[in-house]
Amino acid sequence: SALDCDTEQGLVYIATTDHGLWQIELSSGLQGDGTGPVLYPNPFLPAAGGTVRVAGLPDETTEMRVFDLSGSLVYESEPVRRSLLGWDGSVGTGSAASGTYIVVVSQGGSSWLLKLALVR
């Protein structure tokens, strides 16, 4: 019967007439204002599993390129729907080192530069 969210804490509250009040915690939280992409989780801890995802954009064809601070390309995605996009922290047959990475997200002729912290 009602729905609300706490964007600072990443909590969604759902009130029902027959099952009471529910609280759901979103693992990635709620970030961004919908005007551009947001990387999550950031910082990224590959040992915890999962992948770096992109939020804040329509679920349309999107590309992602990850560069280390020396400018070397570490990862490049194929063009896929934004909901399928992700990076698991791997580089070739190994793993990317801890540090700061620059991520270029492109969609519909627009591109954004984002920072990502990777912690091993």
Protein backbone atom coordinates (compact mmCIF):
# COMPACT_ATOMS: atom_id res chain seq x y z
CA SER A 1 0.00 0.00 0.00
CA ALA A 2 3.05 2.30 0.32
CA LEU A 3 6.66 2.46 -0.84
CA ASP A 4 9.51 4.73 0.27
CA CYS A 5 13.31 4.69 0.17
CA ASP A 6 16.23 6.07 2.12
CA THR A 7 18.75 6.86 -0.63
CA GLU A 8 21.55 7.63 1.85
CA GLN A 9 21.35 4.17 3.47
CA GLY A 10 20.23 2.17 0.41
CA LEU A 11 17.03 1.02 2.12
CA VAL A 12 13.62 0.45 0.57
CA TYR A 13 10.53 0.33 2.81
CA ILE A 14 7.39 -1.49 1.66
CA ALA A 15 4.11 -1.32 3.60
CA THR A 16 1.43 -3.91 2.85
CA THR A 17 -2.06 -4.29 4.22
CA ASP A 18 -1.68 -8.00 4.90
CA HIS A 19 2.02 -8.55 5.69
CA GLY A 20 3.04 -5.38 7.56
CA LEU A 21 6.16 -3.28 6.98
CA TRP A 22 9.16 -4.66 5.12
CA GLN A 23 12.66 -3.21 4.90
CA ILE A 24 14.96 -4.25 2.06
CA GLU A 25 18.64 -3.34 2.05
CA LEU A 26 20.14 -2.96 -1.42
CA SER A 27 23.70 -4.28 -1.53
CA SER A 28 24.80 -1.56 -3.94
CA GLY A 29 22.80 1.21 -2.30
CA LEU A 30 21.05 3.90 -4.27
CA GLN A 31 23.41 6.27 -5.99
CA GLY A 32 23.29 8.92 -8.64
CA ASP A 33 20.53 11.20 -9.80
CA GLY A 34 19.80 9.54 -13.14
CA THR A 35 21.72 12.12 -15.19
CA GLY A 36 24.85 10.03 -15.62
CA PRO A 37 26.43 6.68 -14.83
CA VAL A 38 27.53 5.52 -11.39
CA LEU A 39 29.88 2.60 -10.77
CA TYR A 40 29.04 0.21 -7.95
CA PRO A 41 30.36 -1.14 -5.74
CA ASN A 42 33.02 1.53 -5.46
CA PRO A 43 35.44 0.73 -3.93
CA PHE A 44 35.38 -2.68 -5.56
CA LEU A 45 36.66 -5.69 -3.59
CA PRO A 46 36.99 -8.59 -6.08
CA ALA A 47 37.64 -11.08 -3.25
CA ALA A 48 34.05 -10.49 -2.10
CA GLY A 49 32.84 -11.77 -5.48
CA GLY A 50 30.65 -10.00 -7.95
CA THR A 51 31.44 -7.48 -10.61
CA VAL A 52 31.61 -3.73 -11.04
CA ARG A 53 28.30 -2.60 -12.54
CA VAL A 54 26.94 0.62 -14.01
CA ALA A 55 23.76 2.31 -12.77
CA GLY A 56 22.13 5.66 -13.52
CA LEU A 57 21.61 5.16 -17.27
CA PRO A 58 18.80 3.66 -19.35
CA ASP A 59 19.10 -0.08 -20.03
CA GLU A 60 20.31 0.44 -23.58
CA THR A 61 23.47 -0.50 -25.49
CA THR A 62 26.44 0.62 -23.41
CA GLU A 63 30.19 0.12 -23.57
CA MET A 64 32.77 0.21 -20.79
CA ARG A 65 36.55 0.58 -20.99
CA VAL A 66 38.80 0.41 -17.94
CA PHE A 67 42.26 2.03 -17.90
CA ASP A 68 44.99 2.01 -15.28
CA LEU A 69 46.56 5.36 -14.32
CA SER A 70 49.35 4.91 -16.86
CA GLY A 71 46.69 4.94 -19.59
CA SER A 72 46.91 1.25 -20.46
CA LEU A 73 43.65 -0.42 -21.43
CA VAL A 74 42.86 -3.08 -18.81
CA TYR A 75 39.36 -4.13 -19.89
CA GLU A 76 37.02 -3.41 -22.78
CA SER A 77 33.45 -4.66 -23.04
CA GLU A 78 31.48 -5.58 -26.08
CA PRO A 79 28.47 -3.30 -26.67
CA VAL A 80 25.70 -4.81 -24.50
CA ARG A 81 22.63 -3.65 -22.62
CA ARG A 82 23.63 -1.63 -19.55
CA SER A 83 22.12 -4.25 -17.20
CA LEU A 84 24.52 -6.91 -18.59
CA LEU A 85 27.64 -4.76 -18.34
CA GLY A 86 30.22 -5.62 -15.70
CA TRP A 87 33.90 -6.17 -14.91
CA ASP A 88 35.13 -8.84 -12.49
CA GLY A 89 38.58 -7.32 -11.90
CA SER A 90 40.42 -9.72 -14.18
CA VAL A 91 43.11 -8.76 -16.68
CA GLY A 92 43.77 -11.35 -19.37
CA THR A 93 44.58 -14.52 -17.43
CA GLY A 94 45.41 -12.69 -14.20
CA SER A 95 43.94 -10.15 -11.82
CA ALA A 96 44.12 -6.37 -11.84
CA ALA A 97 46.23 -4.87 -9.07
CA SER A 98 44.86 -2.73 -6.26
CA GLY A 99 44.65 0.91 -7.21
CA THR A 100 42.65 3.59 -8.94
CA TYR A 101 41.27 3.01 -12.42
CA ILE A 102 39.65 5.32 -14.94
CA VAL A 103 36.46 3.92 -16.45
CA VAL A 104 34.97 5.29 -19.67
CA VAL A 105 31.27 4.52 -20.03
CA SER A 106 29.70 5.25 -23.44
CA GLN A 107 26.05 5.20 -24.42
CA GLY A 108 24.13 6.81 -27.26
CA GLY A 109 26.95 9.09 -28.43
CA SER A 110 27.78 10.33 -24.90
CA SER A 111 30.79 9.32 -22.82
CA TRP A 112 31.63 9.75 -19.15
CA LEU A 113 34.93 9.44 -17.26
CA LEU A 114 34.58 7.80 -13.84
CA LYS A 115 37.05 6.77 -11.13
CA LEU A 116 37.06 3.29 -9.62
CA ALA A 117 39.02 2.08 -6.61
CA LEU A 118 39.95 -1.61 -6.68
CA VAL A 119 41.11 -3.13 -3.38
CA ARG A 120 42.70 -6.59 -3.15
